[in-house]
Amino acid sequence: MLLTDKIKNKDLFATDDFDFAFFINRFEFPWEIVCNIKEFFANFNVKNYNNYTEIEEGIFVSKNVKIHKNATLIPPVIIGENTEVRTGAYIRGNVIIGKNCVVGNSTELKNCVLLNNVQVPHYNYVGDSVLGNHSHLGAGAICSNLKIDGKNVVVHGKENFNTNTRKFGAVLADNAEVGCNSVLNPGTIIGKNTIVYPLTSLRGVYEENKIVKGSKNVIQKI
């Protein structure tokens, strides 16, 4: 399989049970999702979704959503069924959160998509990123979204892909796990079922079913 196949949305995420699968499936690559979230909200009509209610202007929630006191939600935001937003969470707008997710204390989300069963429970930053089903960020793990030189983000692998945008963070495919205090630099893609060790700084594409102990220390997951 070519690298170009491994970083396509269809190879990163299952969307069958995601309420907004049509949006994900419109695009070939994950940075195209990130670049079009604002457009998605501009055309969003809650009347087309019987299971969502607008609780405040631009904040749409499904059934059994729990939002703790002192969480900050800046619209537009969508929160899926059975999701919990804990005290101190900061959701900065243009955020789509799927079902059964946890957005934890001091976690900041901005212009991103979380599919179903995602956990970002402690001190995480997720900017301009896409997190797949059952993915998890350990405490303090960061999805950095802006290069220090301000240039467009390039996804580096066997081939290089210019995303043509200055802000693109990280992608976690389904069941990816990132350890505590790791930094995923702009344009990092973590494949399905791959585990990243704590305190790791990464850039580039990491294939599915791997254990990533460092940027140059990657082994097969058994």
N, C-alpha and C. Protein backbone atom coordinates (compact mmCIF):
# COMPACT_ATOMS: atom_id res chain seq x y z
N MET A 1 0.85 -1.19 0.00
CA MET A 1 0.00 0.00 0.00
C MET A 1 0.89 1.25 0.00
N LEU A 2 0.60 2.17 -0.83
CA LEU A 2 1.37 3.40 -0.90
C LEU A 2 1.05 4.31 0.27
N LEU A 3 2.00 5.16 0.63
CA LEU A 3 1.79 6.12 1.70
C LEU A 3 0.57 6.98 1.42
N THR A 4 0.34 7.33 0.16
CA THR A 4 -0.79 8.17 -0.18
C THR A 4 -2.10 7.51 0.23
N ASP A 5 -2.15 6.17 0.20
CA ASP A 5 -3.36 5.48 0.65
C ASP A 5 -3.48 5.52 2.16
N LYS A 6 -2.38 5.44 2.88
CA LYS A 6 -2.40 5.34 4.33
C LYS A 6 -2.81 6.64 5.01
N ILE A 7 -2.74 7.76 4.35
CA ILE A 7 -3.13 9.01 4.99
C ILE A 7 -4.42 9.58 4.42
N LYS A 8 -5.14 8.77 3.69
CA LYS A 8 -6.46 9.19 3.23
C LYS A 8 -7.49 8.93 4.33
N ASN A 9 -8.50 9.76 4.37
CA ASN A 9 -9.50 9.67 5.42
C ASN A 9 -10.13 8.28 5.51
N LYS A 10 -10.37 7.67 4.37
CA LYS A 10 -11.02 6.36 4.36
C LYS A 10 -10.17 5.28 5.02
N ASP A 11 -8.88 5.52 5.11
CA ASP A 11 -7.98 4.55 5.74
C ASP A 11 -7.66 4.91 7.18
N LEU A 12 -8.14 6.05 7.63
CA LEU A 12 -7.85 6.51 8.99
C LEU A 12 -9.04 6.37 9.93
N PHE A 13 -10.25 6.59 9.39
CA PHE A 13 -11.43 6.68 10.24
C PHE A 13 -12.58 5.82 9.70
N ALA A 14 -13.26 5.15 10.62
CA ALA A 14 -14.56 4.55 10.30
C ALA A 14 -15.63 5.58 10.63
N THR A 15 -16.53 5.83 9.71
CA THR A 15 -17.51 6.91 9.91
C THR A 15 -18.95 6.40 9.98
N ASP A 16 -19.14 5.09 9.98
CA ASP A 16 -20.50 4.53 9.89
C ASP A 16 -21.42 5.06 10.99
N ASP A 17 -20.90 5.24 12.20
CA ASP A 17 -21.74 5.62 13.33
C ASP A 17 -21.55 7.08 13.73
N PHE A 18 -20.85 7.83 12.91
CA PHE A 18 -20.61 9.25 13.20
C PHE A 18 -21.74 10.08 12.60
N ASP A 19 -22.35 10.94 13.41
CA ASP A 19 -23.54 11.67 12.96
C ASP A 19 -23.27 12.57 11.76
N PHE A 20 -22.04 12.97 11.56
CA PHE A 20 -21.71 13.88 10.47
C PHE A 20 -20.72 13.24 9.50
N ALA A 21 -20.95 11.96 9.25
CA ALA A 21 -20.09 11.19 8.34
C ALA A 21 -20.02 11.82 6.97
N PHE A 22 -21.11 12.40 6.52
CA PHE A 22 -21.14 13.00 5.18
C PHE A 22 -20.07 14.08 5.04
N PHE A 23 -19.80 14.79 6.14
CA PHE A 23 -18.79 15.85 6.10
C PHE A 23 -17.39 15.26 5.98
N ILE A 24 -17.08 14.26 6.79
CA ILE A 24 -15.77 13.61 6.71
C ILE A 24 -15.56 12.99 5.34
N ASN A 25 -16.59 12.32 4.84
CA ASN A 25 -16.46 11.54 3.61
C ASN A 25 -16.40 12.41 2.35
N ARG A 26 -16.64 13.68 2.49
CA ARG A 26 -16.52 14.59 1.34
C ARG A 26 -15.08 14.74 0.87
N PHE A 27 -14.14 14.51 1.79
CA PHE A 27 -12.76 14.89 1.55
C PHE A 27 -11.84 13.68 1.49
N GLU A 28 -10.73 13.85 0.79
CA GLU A 28 -9.78 12.76 0.63
C GLU A 28 -8.76 12.72 1.76
N PHE A 29 -8.30 13.91 2.18
CA PHE A 29 -7.23 13.99 3.17
C PHE A 29 -7.70 14.75 4.42
N PRO A 30 -7.12 14.46 5.58
CA PRO A 30 -7.62 15.06 6.82
C PRO A 30 -7.46 16.57 6.92
N TRP A 31 -6.42 17.14 6.31
CA TRP A 31 -6.28 18.59 6.39
C TRP A 31 -7.40 19.30 5.63
N GLU A 32 -8.02 18.61 4.67
CA GLU A 32 -9.16 19.20 3.97
C GLU A 32 -10.37 19.30 4.91
N ILE A 33 -10.50 18.35 5.83
CA ILE A 33 -11.55 18.44 6.84
C ILE A 33 -11.34 19.69 7.69
N VAL A 34 -10.13 19.84 8.20
CA VAL A 34 -9.81 20.96 9.08
C VAL A 34 -10.09 22.30 8.39
N CYS A 35 -9.74 22.40 7.14
CA CYS A 35 -9.89 23.66 6.41
C CYS A 35 -11.34 24.00 6.08
N ASN A 36 -12.25 23.03 6.26
CA ASN A 36 -13.65 23.26 5.88
C ASN A 36 -14.63 23.17 7.03
N ILE A 37 -14.14 23.12 8.28
CA ILE A 37 -15.05 23.07 9.42
C ILE A 37 -15.88 24.35 9.51
N LYS A 38 -15.26 25.48 9.28
CA LYS A 38 -15.99 26.74 9.35
C LYS A 38 -17.12 26.77 8.31
N GLU A 39 -16.83 26.26 7.14
CA GLU A 39 -17.86 26.22 6.08
C GLU A 39 -18.98 25.26 6.47
N PHE A 40 -18.64 24.16 7.12
CA PHE A 40 -19.66 23.22 7.60
C PHE A 40 -20.64 23.92 8.51
N PHE A 41 -20.13 24.69 9.48
CA PHE A 41 -21.02 25.37 10.41
C PHE A 41 -21.83 26.47 9.73
N ALA A 42 -21.26 27.10 8.74
CA ALA A 42 -22.00 28.15 8.03
C ALA A 42 -23.25 27.60 7.36
N ASN A 43 -23.23 26.31 7.04
CA ASN A 43 -24.37 25.68 6.36
C ASN A 43 -25.16 24.74 7.26
N PHE A 44 -24.80 24.69 8.56
CA PHE A 44 -25.45 23.75 9.47
C PHE A 44 -26.82 24.25 9.88
N ASN A 45 -27.80 23.35 9.83
CA ASN A 45 -29.18 23.66 10.26
C ASN A 45 -29.62 22.57 11.23
N VAL A 46 -29.75 22.93 12.49
CA VAL A 46 -30.08 21.94 13.52
C VAL A 46 -31.44 21.30 13.27
N LYS A 47 -32.31 21.96 12.52
CA LYS A 47 -33.64 21.40 12.25
C LYS A 47 -33.56 20.11 11.44
N ASN A 48 -32.42 19.87 10.81
CA ASN A 48 -32.25 18.64 10.03
C ASN A 48 -31.82 17.46 10.91
N TYR A 49 -31.64 17.69 12.21
CA TYR A 49 -31.14 16.66 13.12
C TYR A 49 -32.06 16.57 14.33
N ASN A 50 -32.92 15.57 14.36
CA ASN A 50 -33.90 15.44 15.43
C ASN A 50 -33.28 15.20 16.79
N ASN A 51 -32.06 14.67 16.81
CA ASN A 51 -31.43 14.31 18.08
C ASN A 51 -30.53 15.41 18.64
N TYR A 52 -30.57 16.62 18.05
CA TYR A 52 -29.77 17.74 18.54
C TYR A 52 -30.66 18.92 18.90
N THR A 53 -30.25 19.63 19.97
CA THR A 53 -30.97 20.80 20.44
C THR A 53 -30.01 21.96 20.58
N GLU A 54 -30.45 23.14 20.20
CA GLU A 54 -29.63 24.34 20.37
C GLU A 54 -29.89 24.90 21.77
N ILE A 55 -28.95 24.69 22.70
CA ILE A 55 -29.17 25.11 24.08
C ILE A 55 -28.80 26.58 24.30
N GLU A 56 -27.90 27.08 23.52
CA GLU A 56 -27.58 28.50 23.44
C GLU A 56 -27.26 28.78 21.99
N GLU A 57 -27.20 30.03 21.61
CA GLU A 57 -26.95 30.35 20.22
C GLU A 57 -25.64 29.74 19.74
N GLY A 58 -25.75 28.85 18.74
CA GLY A 58 -24.57 28.24 18.15
C GLY A 58 -24.00 27.07 18.91
N ILE A 59 -24.67 26.63 19.98
CA ILE A 59 -24.20 25.47 20.75
C ILE A 59 -25.26 24.38 20.66
N PHE A 60 -24.92 23.29 20.00
CA PHE A 60 -25.87 22.23 19.68
C PHE A 60 -25.46 20.96 20.40
N VAL A 61 -26.37 20.38 21.18
CA VAL A 61 -26.04 19.19 21.95
C VAL A 61 -27.07 18.10 21.69
N SER A 62 -26.61 16.86 21.79
CA SER A 62 -27.49 15.71 21.65
C SER A 62 -27.93 15.23 23.03
N LYS A 63 -28.49 14.03 23.09
CA LYS A 63 -29.05 13.49 24.33
C LYS A 63 -27.95 13.14 25.34
N ASN A 64 -28.28 13.34 26.61
CA ASN A 64 -27.44 12.90 27.73
C ASN A 64 -26.05 13.52 27.72
N VAL A 65 -25.92 14.71 27.18
CA VAL A 65 -24.65 15.44 27.26
C VAL A 65 -24.53 16.08 28.63
N LYS A 66 -23.36 15.96 29.23
CA LYS A 66 -23.12 16.55 30.54
C LYS A 66 -22.05 17.63 30.42
N ILE A 67 -22.42 18.85 30.71
CA ILE A 67 -21.48 19.98 30.67
C ILE A 67 -21.32 20.50 32.09
N HIS A 68 -20.14 20.36 32.67
CA HIS A 68 -19.91 20.77 34.05
C HIS A 68 -19.83 22.29 34.16
N LYS A 69 -20.05 22.77 35.36
CA LYS A 69 -19.89 24.18 35.63
C LYS A 69 -18.45 24.61 35.35
N ASN A 70 -18.30 25.85 34.93
CA ASN A 70 -17.00 26.46 34.66
C ASN A 70 -16.32 25.92 33.41
N ALA A 71 -17.03 25.15 32.60
CA ALA A 71 -16.55 24.87 31.25
C ALA A 71 -16.94 26.04 30.36
N THR A 72 -16.06 26.40 29.44
CA THR A 72 -16.32 27.53 28.53
C THR A 72 -16.53 27.01 27.12
N LEU A 73 -17.69 27.36 26.55
CA LEU A 73 -18.01 26.95 25.18
C LEU A 73 -18.27 28.20 24.35
N ILE A 74 -17.43 28.41 23.35
CA ILE A 74 -17.60 29.52 22.42
C ILE A 74 -18.15 28.95 21.11
N PRO A 75 -19.31 29.41 20.65
CA PRO A 75 -19.91 28.83 19.44
C PRO A 75 -19.12 29.18 18.19
N PRO A 76 -19.33 28.35 17.14
CA PRO A 76 -20.23 27.20 17.08
C PRO A 76 -19.57 25.92 17.59
N VAL A 77 -20.40 25.10 18.26
CA VAL A 77 -19.95 23.84 18.81
C VAL A 77 -21.06 22.81 18.66
N ILE A 78 -20.70 21.59 18.31
CA ILE A 78 -21.62 20.46 18.31
C ILE A 78 -21.07 19.42 19.27
N ILE A 79 -21.96 18.89 20.14
CA ILE A 79 -21.55 17.88 21.11
C ILE A 79 -22.49 16.69 20.99
N GLY A 80 -21.92 15.52 20.72
CA GLY A 80 -22.69 14.32 20.48
C GLY A 80 -23.19 13.65 21.75
N GLU A 81 -24.06 12.69 21.55
CA GLU A 81 -24.75 11.96 22.62
C GLU A 81 -23.78 11.36 23.65
N ASN A 82 -24.15 11.51 24.93
CA ASN A 82 -23.42 10.90 26.06
C ASN A 82 -22.01 11.44 26.25
N THR A 83 -21.71 12.57 25.68
CA THR A 83 -20.39 13.17 25.86
C THR A 83 -20.35 14.01 27.14
N GLU A 84 -19.19 14.02 27.79
CA GLU A 84 -19.00 14.78 29.01
C GLU A 84 -17.95 15.87 28.78
N VAL A 85 -18.30 17.10 29.14
CA VAL A 85 -17.38 18.23 29.09
C VAL A 85 -17.13 18.66 30.52
N ARG A 86 -15.93 18.46 31.00
CA ARG A 86 -15.64 18.62 32.42
C ARG A 86 -15.25 20.05 32.78
N THR A 87 -15.21 20.29 34.08
CA THR A 87 -14.86 21.61 34.61
C THR A 87 -13.52 22.09 34.05
N GLY A 88 -13.50 23.34 33.60
CA GLY A 88 -12.27 23.95 33.12
C GLY A 88 -11.97 23.71 31.65
N ALA A 89 -12.80 22.92 30.98
CA ALA A 89 -12.60 22.74 29.54
C ALA A 89 -12.84 24.07 28.81
N TYR A 90 -12.10 24.28 27.72
CA TYR A 90 -12.20 25.53 26.95
C TYR A 90 -12.37 25.16 25.48
N ILE A 91 -13.58 25.30 25.00
CA ILE A 91 -13.90 24.95 23.61
C ILE A 91 -14.09 26.25 22.84
N ARG A 92 -13.19 26.51 21.90
CA ARG A 92 -13.05 27.85 21.31
C ARG A 92 -13.80 28.06 20.01
N GLY A 93 -14.64 27.14 19.62
CA GLY A 93 -15.44 27.36 18.42
C GLY A 93 -14.97 26.55 17.23
N ASN A 94 -15.92 26.31 16.30
CA ASN A 94 -15.69 25.46 15.13
C ASN A 94 -15.20 24.08 15.56
N VAL A 95 -15.93 23.50 16.51
CA VAL A 95 -15.57 22.20 17.07
C VAL A 95 -16.76 21.24 16.93
N ILE A 96 -16.48 20.06 16.39
CA ILE A 96 -17.48 18.99 16.29
C ILE A 96 -17.00 17.84 17.16
N ILE A 97 -17.82 17.46 18.14
CA ILE A 97 -17.48 16.38 19.06
C ILE A 97 -18.51 15.28 18.90
N GLY A 98 -18.04 14.05 18.73
CA GLY A 98 -18.94 12.93 18.52
C GLY A 98 -19.54 12.38 19.79
N LYS A 99 -20.01 11.14 19.73
CA LYS A 99 -20.68 10.47 20.84
C LYS A 99 -19.66 9.92 21.84
N ASN A 100 -20.09 9.86 23.10
CA ASN A 100 -19.35 9.14 24.15
C ASN A 100 -17.92 9.65 24.34
N CYS A 101 -17.72 10.93 24.16
CA CYS A 101 -16.39 11.51 24.30
C CYS A 101 -16.21 12.11 25.70
N VAL A 102 -14.95 12.34 26.08
CA VAL A 102 -14.62 13.05 27.31
C VAL A 102 -13.69 14.20 26.96
N VAL A 103 -14.12 15.41 27.31
CA VAL A 103 -13.28 16.60 27.18
C VAL A 103 -13.00 17.08 28.59
N GLY A 104 -11.75 16.98 29.01
CA GLY A 104 -11.44 17.09 30.43
C GLY A 104 -10.96 18.43 30.91
N ASN A 105 -10.58 18.44 32.17
CA ASN A 105 -10.10 19.62 32.86
C ASN A 105 -8.95 20.29 32.12
N SER A 106 -9.09 21.57 31.85
CA SER A 106 -8.05 22.40 31.22
C SER A 106 -7.70 21.93 29.81
N THR A 107 -8.58 21.17 29.19
CA THR A 107 -8.39 20.80 27.79
C THR A 107 -8.96 21.89 26.89
N GLU A 108 -8.20 22.27 25.88
CA GLU A 108 -8.60 23.32 24.95
C GLU A 108 -8.78 22.72 23.55
N LEU A 109 -9.94 22.98 22.97
CA LEU A 109 -10.24 22.53 21.61
C LEU A 109 -10.51 23.73 20.72
N LYS A 110 -10.00 23.67 19.50
CA LYS A 110 -10.21 24.78 18.56
C LYS A 110 -10.19 24.25 17.14
N ASN A 111 -11.25 24.52 16.37
CA ASN A 111 -11.32 24.15 14.95
C ASN A 111 -10.86 22.70 14.73
N CYS A 112 -11.62 21.78 15.31
CA CYS A 112 -11.22 20.38 15.23
C CYS A 112 -12.44 19.48 15.20
N VAL A 113 -12.20 18.22 14.86
CA VAL A 113 -13.24 17.19 14.87
C VAL A 113 -12.78 16.05 15.75
N LEU A 114 -13.63 15.68 16.69
CA LEU A 114 -13.45 14.46 17.47
C LEU A 114 -14.54 13.50 17.05
N LEU A 115 -14.16 12.33 16.56
CA LEU A 115 -15.17 11.34 16.22
C LEU A 115 -15.70 10.69 17.49
N ASN A 116 -16.19 9.49 17.46
CA ASN A 116 -16.84 8.90 18.62
C ASN A 116 -15.84 8.27 19.60
N ASN A 117 -16.21 8.31 20.89
CA ASN A 117 -15.44 7.63 21.94
C ASN A 117 -14.02 8.15 22.08
N VAL A 118 -13.82 9.43 21.82
CA VAL A 118 -12.50 10.06 21.95
C VAL A 118 -12.33 10.57 23.38
N GLN A 119 -11.13 10.42 23.92
CA GLN A 119 -10.84 10.94 25.25
C GLN A 119 -9.67 11.92 25.18
N VAL A 120 -9.95 13.14 25.58
CA VAL A 120 -8.92 14.17 25.77
C VAL A 120 -9.12 14.71 27.19
N PRO A 121 -8.73 13.93 28.20
CA PRO A 121 -9.25 14.13 29.55
C PRO A 121 -8.49 15.07 30.46
N HIS A 122 -7.21 15.40 30.14
CA HIS A 122 -6.43 16.17 31.10
C HIS A 122 -5.41 17.07 30.40
N TYR A 123 -5.60 18.38 30.46
CA TYR A 123 -4.56 19.34 30.07
C TYR A 123 -4.09 19.15 28.62
N ASN A 124 -5.01 18.91 27.72
CA ASN A 124 -4.65 18.70 26.32
C ASN A 124 -4.97 19.92 25.48
N TYR A 125 -4.18 20.13 24.42
CA TYR A 125 -4.52 21.14 23.42
C TYR A 125 -4.71 20.42 22.09
N VAL A 126 -5.88 20.66 21.47
CA VAL A 126 -6.20 20.06 20.18
C VAL A 126 -6.65 21.18 19.25
N GLY A 127 -5.74 21.64 18.41
CA GLY A 127 -6.04 22.71 17.49
C GLY A 127 -5.92 22.26 16.05
N ASP A 128 -6.92 22.54 15.24
CA ASP A 128 -6.89 22.27 13.79
C ASP A 128 -6.50 20.82 13.52
N SER A 129 -7.17 19.91 14.23
CA SER A 129 -6.80 18.49 14.21
C SER A 129 -8.03 17.62 14.04
N VAL A 130 -7.79 16.33 13.77
CA VAL A 130 -8.88 15.35 13.68
C VAL A 130 -8.47 14.13 14.52
N LEU A 131 -9.34 13.75 15.47
CA LEU A 131 -9.07 12.61 16.33
C LEU A 131 -10.10 11.52 16.03
N GLY A 132 -9.60 10.33 15.69
CA GLY A 132 -10.46 9.24 15.27
C GLY A 132 -11.13 8.51 16.42
N ASN A 133 -12.00 7.58 16.08
CA ASN A 133 -12.77 6.82 17.06
C ASN A 133 -11.86 6.10 18.06
N HIS A 134 -12.24 6.20 19.33
CA HIS A 134 -11.53 5.51 20.41
C HIS A 134 -10.06 5.95 20.54
N SER A 135 -9.72 7.10 20.01
CA SER A 135 -8.37 7.62 20.21
C SER A 135 -8.28 8.30 21.57
N HIS A 136 -7.04 8.46 22.06
CA HIS A 136 -6.85 8.96 23.42
C HIS A 136 -5.55 9.75 23.50
N LEU A 137 -5.63 10.92 24.13
CA LEU A 137 -4.44 11.71 24.46
C LEU A 137 -4.18 11.61 25.96
N GLY A 138 -2.99 11.17 26.33
CA GLY A 138 -2.62 11.16 27.74
C GLY A 138 -2.50 12.57 28.28
N ALA A 139 -2.43 12.67 29.61
CA ALA A 139 -2.38 13.98 30.26
C ALA A 139 -1.24 14.83 29.71
N GLY A 140 -1.57 16.06 29.33
CA GLY A 140 -0.56 17.00 28.87
C GLY A 140 -0.12 16.84 27.43
N ALA A 141 -0.69 15.88 26.70
CA ALA A 141 -0.32 15.70 25.29
C ALA A 141 -0.90 16.83 24.45
N ILE A 142 -0.12 17.28 23.48
CA ILE A 142 -0.43 18.49 22.72
C ILE A 142 -0.45 18.19 21.22
N CYS A 143 -1.46 18.71 20.53
CA CYS A 143 -1.48 18.71 19.06
C CYS A 143 -1.13 20.12 18.60
N SER A 144 0.13 20.35 18.34
CA SER A 144 0.59 21.68 17.93
C SER A 144 0.14 21.95 16.49
N ASN A 145 -0.29 23.18 16.22
CA ASN A 145 -0.92 23.45 14.93
C ASN A 145 -0.27 24.55 14.10
N LEU A 146 0.82 25.14 14.58
CA LEU A 146 1.42 26.27 13.86
C LEU A 146 2.94 26.13 13.90
N LYS A 147 3.57 26.13 12.73
CA LYS A 147 5.03 26.05 12.67
C LYS A 147 5.65 27.34 13.21
N ILE A 148 6.81 27.20 13.79
CA ILE A 148 7.47 28.35 14.41
C ILE A 148 7.83 29.42 13.38
N ASP A 149 8.02 29.01 12.11
CA ASP A 149 8.34 29.99 11.07
C ASP A 149 7.09 30.52 10.37
N GLY A 150 5.91 30.03 10.75
CA GLY A 150 4.66 30.53 10.19
C GLY A 150 4.35 30.08 8.78
N LYS A 151 5.18 29.21 8.21
CA LYS A 151 4.95 28.75 6.85
C LYS A 151 3.88 27.66 6.80
N ASN A 152 3.41 27.35 5.59
CA ASN A 152 2.42 26.31 5.44
C ASN A 152 2.92 24.98 5.98
N VAL A 153 2.01 24.22 6.57
CA VAL A 153 2.37 22.93 7.14
C VAL A 153 2.52 21.90 6.02
N VAL A 154 3.60 21.13 6.10
CA VAL A 154 3.86 20.03 5.16
C VAL A 154 3.82 18.72 5.95
N VAL A 155 3.09 17.74 5.43
CA VAL A 155 3.08 16.41 6.03
C VAL A 155 4.23 15.63 5.42
N HIS A 156 5.20 15.26 6.24
CA HIS A 156 6.42 14.61 5.76
C HIS A 156 6.31 13.10 5.91
N GLY A 157 6.53 12.39 4.82
CA GLY A 157 6.58 10.94 4.84
C GLY A 157 7.46 10.47 3.70
N LYS A 158 7.15 9.34 3.12
CA LYS A 158 7.87 8.91 1.92
C LYS A 158 7.61 9.89 0.78
N GLU A 159 6.45 10.52 0.85
CA GLU A 159 6.15 11.67 -0.01
C GLU A 159 5.82 12.85 0.90
N ASN A 160 6.00 14.06 0.39
CA ASN A 160 5.66 15.25 1.15
C ASN A 160 4.39 15.87 0.59
N PHE A 161 3.48 16.24 1.49
CA PHE A 161 2.21 16.84 1.08
C PHE A 161 2.11 18.24 1.67
N ASN A 162 2.09 19.24 0.82
CA ASN A 162 1.86 20.60 1.27
C ASN A 162 0.37 20.78 1.49
N THR A 163 -0.01 21.06 2.74
CA THR A 163 -1.43 21.20 3.06
C THR A 163 -2.01 22.53 2.59
N ASN A 164 -1.13 23.47 2.19
CA ASN A 164 -1.56 24.80 1.74
C ASN A 164 -2.31 25.56 2.82
N THR A 165 -2.00 25.26 4.06
CA THR A 165 -2.58 26.02 5.17
C THR A 165 -1.52 26.20 6.25
N ARG A 166 -1.56 27.35 6.93
CA ARG A 166 -0.59 27.63 7.99
C ARG A 166 -0.92 26.87 9.27
N LYS A 167 -2.18 26.50 9.44
CA LYS A 167 -2.58 25.86 10.68
C LYS A 167 -3.17 24.48 10.41
N PHE A 168 -2.40 23.48 10.75
CA PHE A 168 -2.85 22.09 10.70
C PHE A 168 -2.10 21.33 11.77
N GLY A 169 -2.84 20.74 12.69
CA GLY A 169 -2.22 20.10 13.84
C GLY A 169 -1.88 18.65 13.59
N ALA A 170 -2.58 17.77 14.28
CA ALA A 170 -2.27 16.34 14.21
C ALA A 170 -3.52 15.56 13.85
N VAL A 171 -3.29 14.32 13.43
CA VAL A 171 -4.37 13.38 13.14
C VAL A 171 -4.08 12.10 13.92
N LEU A 172 -5.06 11.66 14.69
CA LEU A 172 -5.01 10.35 15.31
C LEU A 172 -6.04 9.49 14.61
N ALA A 173 -5.60 8.41 14.01
CA ALA A 173 -6.54 7.48 13.39
C ALA A 173 -7.26 6.69 14.48
N ASP A 174 -8.20 5.88 14.10
CA ASP A 174 -8.98 5.10 15.06
C ASP A 174 -8.08 4.28 15.98
N ASN A 175 -8.39 4.33 17.27
CA ASN A 175 -7.70 3.54 18.30
C ASN A 175 -6.23 3.93 18.52
N ALA A 176 -5.83 5.09 18.06
CA ALA A 176 -4.48 5.57 18.34
C ALA A 176 -4.40 6.07 19.78
N GLU A 177 -3.23 5.87 20.38
CA GLU A 177 -3.01 6.20 21.79
C GLU A 177 -1.72 7.00 21.92
N VAL A 178 -1.81 8.18 22.55
CA VAL A 178 -0.64 9.04 22.70
C VAL A 178 -0.36 9.23 24.19
N GLY A 179 0.88 8.97 24.61
CA GLY A 179 1.25 9.02 26.01
C GLY A 179 1.36 10.44 26.56
N CYS A 180 1.44 10.50 27.87
CA CYS A 180 1.44 11.78 28.59
C CYS A 180 2.59 12.69 28.14
N ASN A 181 2.26 13.99 28.04
CA ASN A 181 3.24 15.05 27.77
C ASN A 181 3.98 14.87 26.45
N SER A 182 3.37 14.17 25.51
CA SER A 182 3.94 14.10 24.16
C SER A 182 3.51 15.31 23.35
N VAL A 183 4.32 15.66 22.36
CA VAL A 183 4.00 16.76 21.46
C VAL A 183 3.93 16.23 20.03
N LEU A 184 2.78 16.39 19.42
CA LEU A 184 2.61 16.05 18.01
C LEU A 184 2.74 17.36 17.24
N ASN A 185 3.87 17.52 16.56
CA ASN A 185 4.14 18.76 15.84
C ASN A 185 3.23 18.89 14.62
N PRO A 186 3.10 20.10 14.06
CA PRO A 186 2.17 20.30 12.95
C PRO A 186 2.39 19.30 11.82
N GLY A 187 1.29 18.71 11.36
CA GLY A 187 1.35 17.77 10.25
C GLY A 187 1.68 16.34 10.63
N THR A 188 1.52 15.99 11.90
CA THR A 188 1.79 14.62 12.34
C THR A 188 0.55 13.75 12.17
N ILE A 189 0.73 12.55 11.63
CA ILE A 189 -0.37 11.61 11.46
C ILE A 189 0.01 10.29 12.14
N ILE A 190 -0.83 9.86 13.08
CA ILE A 190 -0.63 8.62 13.81
C ILE A 190 -1.63 7.59 13.29
N GLY A 191 -1.15 6.46 12.82
CA GLY A 191 -2.00 5.46 12.18
C GLY A 191 -2.88 4.68 13.15
N LYS A 192 -3.76 3.88 12.61
CA LYS A 192 -4.69 3.09 13.41
C LYS A 192 -3.94 2.17 14.38
N ASN A 193 -4.45 2.11 15.60
CA ASN A 193 -3.96 1.18 16.63
C ASN A 193 -2.52 1.42 17.04
N THR A 194 -1.96 2.54 16.68
CA THR A 194 -0.56 2.83 17.03
C THR A 194 -0.48 3.51 18.40
N ILE A 195 0.55 3.14 19.14
CA ILE A 195 0.79 3.67 20.49
C ILE A 195 2.04 4.55 20.47
N VAL A 196 1.93 5.72 21.05
CA VAL A 196 3.06 6.64 21.18
C VAL A 196 3.47 6.71 22.65
N TYR A 197 4.74 6.50 22.92
CA TYR A 197 5.24 6.55 24.29
C TYR A 197 5.14 7.97 24.87
N PRO A 198 5.05 8.09 26.19
CA PRO A 198 5.06 9.41 26.84
C PRO A 198 6.35 10.18 26.52
N LEU A 199 6.24 11.51 26.64
CA LEU A 199 7.38 12.42 26.52
C LEU A 199 8.05 12.33 25.15
N THR A 200 7.25 12.07 24.13
CA THR A 200 7.77 11.92 22.77
C THR A 200 7.39 13.13 21.93
N SER A 201 8.34 13.64 21.14
CA SER A 201 8.07 14.72 20.20
C SER A 201 8.15 14.15 18.78
N LEU A 202 7.07 14.31 18.04
CA LEU A 202 6.98 13.67 16.72
C LEU A 202 6.61 14.65 15.63
N ARG A 203 7.06 14.31 14.42
CA ARG A 203 6.62 14.99 13.21
C ARG A 203 6.60 13.95 12.09
N GLY A 204 5.59 14.00 11.24
CA GLY A 204 5.55 13.10 10.09
C GLY A 204 4.45 12.07 10.20
N VAL A 205 4.60 10.98 9.44
CA VAL A 205 3.58 9.94 9.34
C VAL A 205 4.07 8.67 10.02
N TYR A 206 3.26 8.14 10.93
CA TYR A 206 3.58 6.90 11.64
C TYR A 206 2.51 5.87 11.32
N GLU A 207 2.93 4.75 10.79
CA GLU A 207 1.99 3.78 10.23
C GLU A 207 1.17 3.09 11.31
N GLU A 208 0.14 2.40 10.89
CA GLU A 208 -0.74 1.70 11.81
C GLU A 208 -0.04 0.51 12.46
N ASN A 209 -0.58 0.13 13.63
CA ASN A 209 -0.11 -1.06 14.36
C ASN A 209 1.37 -0.99 14.72
N LYS A 210 1.81 0.20 15.16
CA LYS A 210 3.20 0.39 15.59
C LYS A 210 3.26 0.82 17.05
N ILE A 211 4.43 0.67 17.64
CA ILE A 211 4.74 1.29 18.93
C ILE A 211 5.85 2.31 18.68
N VAL A 212 5.55 3.56 18.96
CA VAL A 212 6.49 4.65 18.68
C VAL A 212 7.15 5.06 19.99
N LYS A 213 8.42 4.69 20.14
CA LYS A 213 9.17 5.02 21.34
C LYS A 213 9.94 6.33 21.18
N GLY A 214 10.10 6.76 19.95
CA GLY A 214 10.78 8.00 19.62
C GLY A 214 10.64 8.20 18.12
N SER A 215 11.04 9.38 17.65
CA SER A 215 10.86 9.70 16.23
C SER A 215 11.59 8.72 15.32
N LYS A 216 12.68 8.12 15.81
CA LYS A 216 13.44 7.17 15.01
C LYS A 216 13.48 5.77 15.66
N ASN A 217 12.57 5.57 16.58
CA ASN A 217 12.53 4.28 17.28
C ASN A 217 11.08 3.77 17.24
N VAL A 218 10.77 3.06 16.15
CA VAL A 218 9.41 2.58 15.90
C VAL A 218 9.47 1.08 15.67
N ILE A 219 8.65 0.33 16.42
CA ILE A 219 8.64 -1.11 16.27
C ILE A 219 7.24 -1.59 15.94
N GLN A 220 7.16 -2.82 15.43
CA GLN A 220 5.88 -3.42 15.10
C GLN A 220 5.12 -3.77 16.38
N LYS A 221 3.84 -3.47 16.41
CA LYS A 221 2.99 -3.82 17.54
C LYS A 221 2.54 -5.27 17.38
N ILE A 222 2.73 -6.07 18.42
CA ILE A 222 2.35 -7.49 18.37
C ILE A 222 1.12 -7.69 19.24
